[in-house]
Amino acid sequence: MFEAQRIKVKKFGPIDDIDIEIRNILLFVGPQASGKSTIAKLIFFFFHTRDVVIEYLYEKATSQQTEGKNLHKKLSKRFVEFFGPSFRQPEEEVEFTYKTDYFIKVNPDSNFNKYTNIIFSHQMWQDILSLEKEVLNNFRFQKQTG
């Protein structure tokens, strides 16, 4: 059975409050500066997250230096690259649900809303940690036998 993906956006850019089920084809119609492009960029950002996770795991596995290798910081930086380093509204929140209990939330931190928080659902974070452990173990094994 197919589980629908969703994006929920509150107080982000021109968007006040919206909840959209992601389908194969989405058509946004509205006046200029109403948030159509913002929604499209948000969806692209969350689809692109997989690539950032893979890049993070590769860097972690191939580098002796693990200091500063933080997936949350990497995604936060990428979010700022997509949407700019502007100050955020305290009530701003974007949530993308990939499937049940598998989501990422983005909201401003409590430090004057200056930075961006990336929050993984518990299940998604556990799966990322498990994948990280598997990648690191396989890489070390290949390094020892190669």
Protein backbone atom coordinates (compact mmCIF):
# COMPACT_ATOMS: atom_id res chain seq x y z
CA MET A 1 0.00 0.00 0.00
CA PHE A 2 1.24 3.47 -0.89
CA GLU A 3 1.58 6.00 1.92
CA ALA A 4 1.08 9.59 0.92
CA GLN A 5 3.82 12.10 1.54
CA ARG A 6 2.78 15.44 3.05
CA ILE A 7 4.19 18.88 3.56
CA LYS A 8 2.88 21.20 6.27
CA VAL A 9 4.01 24.81 6.27
CA LYS A 10 3.29 27.46 8.91
CA LYS A 11 4.42 31.11 8.80
CA PHE A 12 7.16 30.52 6.22
CA GLY A 13 7.77 33.28 3.71
CA PRO A 14 4.45 34.26 2.12
CA ILE A 15 2.75 31.08 3.37
CA ASP A 16 0.59 31.39 6.48
CA ASP A 17 -0.67 27.83 6.92
CA ILE A 18 -0.91 25.00 4.39
CA ASP A 19 -1.04 21.19 4.41
CA ILE A 20 -0.53 19.46 1.05
CA GLU A 21 -0.51 15.78 0.12
CA ILE A 22 2.33 15.20 -2.34
CA ARG A 23 1.18 13.52 -5.53
CA ASN A 24 2.87 12.57 -8.80
CA ILE A 25 1.60 15.80 -10.32
CA LEU A 26 1.02 18.99 -8.36
CA LEU A 27 -0.27 22.16 -9.94
CA PHE A 28 0.02 25.45 -8.08
CA VAL A 29 -2.08 28.35 -9.29
CA GLY A 30 -2.17 31.73 -7.61
CA PRO A 31 -1.09 35.33 -7.74
CA GLN A 32 2.51 36.43 -7.88
CA ALA A 33 4.39 36.16 -4.55
CA SER A 34 1.74 33.90 -2.99
CA GLY A 35 4.14 31.04 -2.17
CA LYS A 36 3.95 28.72 -5.19
CA SER A 37 7.71 28.71 -5.76
CA THR A 38 8.40 28.51 -2.03
CA ILE A 39 6.35 25.31 -1.76
CA ALA A 40 8.08 23.82 -4.83
CA LYS A 41 11.52 24.65 -3.38
CA LEU A 42 10.56 23.16 0.00
CA ILE A 43 9.43 19.92 -1.64
CA PHE A 44 12.67 19.80 -3.63
CA PHE A 45 14.70 20.43 -0.46
CA PHE A 46 13.07 17.51 1.35
CA PHE A 47 13.45 15.18 -1.65
CA HIS A 48 17.11 16.28 -1.81
CA THR A 49 17.66 15.36 1.87
CA ARG A 50 18.45 11.76 0.90
CA ASP A 51 21.43 12.99 -1.13
CA VAL A 52 22.69 15.00 1.84
CA VAL A 53 22.45 11.92 4.10
CA ILE A 54 24.41 9.83 1.58
CA GLU A 55 27.04 12.57 1.24
CA TYR A 56 27.29 12.79 5.05
CA LEU A 57 27.75 9.01 5.41
CA TYR A 58 30.39 8.95 2.66
CA GLU A 59 32.34 11.80 4.26
CA LYS A 60 32.11 10.18 7.68
CA ALA A 61 33.30 6.80 6.35
CA THR A 62 36.20 8.14 4.28
CA SER A 63 37.58 10.70 6.71
CA GLN A 64 39.80 10.06 9.72
CA GLN A 65 38.49 13.26 11.22
CA THR A 66 34.94 12.90 12.53
CA GLU A 67 34.98 16.26 14.34
CA GLY A 68 32.40 18.60 12.89
CA LYS A 69 30.65 15.88 10.90
CA ASN A 70 27.09 16.63 11.95
CA LEU A 71 24.12 15.79 9.75
CA HIS A 72 21.89 18.37 11.41
CA LYS A 73 24.40 21.15 10.70
CA LYS A 74 24.86 19.94 7.13
CA LEU A 75 21.11 20.00 6.47
CA SER A 76 20.70 23.34 8.24
CA LYS A 77 23.41 24.82 6.03
CA ARG A 78 21.74 23.39 2.93
CA PHE A 79 18.39 24.86 4.04
CA VAL A 80 20.01 28.29 4.33
CA GLU A 81 21.54 27.83 0.86
CA PHE A 82 18.04 27.19 -0.51
CA PHE A 83 16.14 29.89 1.39
CA GLY A 84 18.69 32.44 2.60
CA PRO A 85 20.04 33.35 6.03
CA SER A 86 17.13 35.55 7.07
CA PHE A 87 15.86 35.78 10.63
CA ARG A 88 12.95 33.47 11.18
CA GLN A 89 9.57 33.99 12.80
CA PRO A 90 9.32 32.09 16.13
CA GLU A 91 6.14 30.29 15.03
CA GLU A 92 7.61 29.24 11.66
CA GLU A 93 7.59 25.49 11.01
CA VAL A 94 7.88 23.23 8.01
CA GLU A 95 7.26 19.50 8.29
CA PHE A 96 7.71 16.95 5.55
CA THR A 97 6.29 13.47 6.15
CA TYR A 98 7.77 10.70 4.02
CA LYS A 99 5.61 7.98 5.58
CA THR A 100 4.03 7.22 8.95
CA ASP A 101 6.45 8.11 11.78
CA TYR A 102 9.06 9.23 9.23
CA PHE A 103 9.36 13.00 9.01
CA ILE A 104 11.67 15.99 9.22
CA LYS A 105 10.71 19.28 10.84
CA VAL A 106 12.48 22.56 10.24
CA ASN A 107 11.97 25.50 12.57
CA PRO A 108 13.96 28.37 14.07
CA ASP A 109 16.09 27.68 17.12
CA SER A 110 15.40 29.35 20.44
CA ASN A 111 18.52 31.54 20.06
CA PHE A 112 16.73 34.67 18.81
CA ASN A 113 15.37 32.61 15.88
CA LYS A 114 18.72 33.17 14.19
CA TYR A 115 19.55 29.57 13.30
CA THR A 116 17.64 26.70 11.75
CA ASN A 117 16.75 23.52 13.64
CA ILE A 118 16.48 20.25 11.76
CA ILE A 119 14.47 17.67 13.70
CA PHE A 120 14.14 14.07 12.55
CA SER A 121 11.34 11.83 13.79
CA HIS A 122 12.60 9.25 16.28
CA GLN A 123 12.18 6.35 13.82
CA MET A 124 13.91 8.16 10.98
CA TRP A 125 16.82 9.19 13.21
CA GLN A 126 17.23 5.64 14.53
CA ASP A 127 17.34 4.32 10.96
CA ILE A 128 19.97 6.92 9.99
CA LEU A 129 22.09 5.97 13.02
CA SER A 130 21.74 2.28 12.16
CA LEU A 131 22.75 2.97 8.56
CA GLU A 132 25.71 5.05 9.75
CA LYS A 133 26.91 2.22 11.96
CA GLU A 134 26.57 -0.30 9.12
CA VAL A 135 28.43 1.96 6.66
CA LEU A 136 31.27 2.60 9.11
CA ASN A 137 31.60 -1.11 9.98
CA ASN A 138 31.64 -2.14 6.31
CA PHE A 139 34.14 0.56 5.43
CA ARG A 140 36.48 -0.45 8.27
CA PHE A 141 36.18 -4.12 7.27
CA GLN A 142 37.03 -3.31 3.64
CA LYS A 143 39.93 -1.16 4.77
CA GLN A 144 41.36 -3.98 6.91
CA THR A 145 40.97 -6.68 4.25
CA GLY A 146 41.91 -4.49 1.27
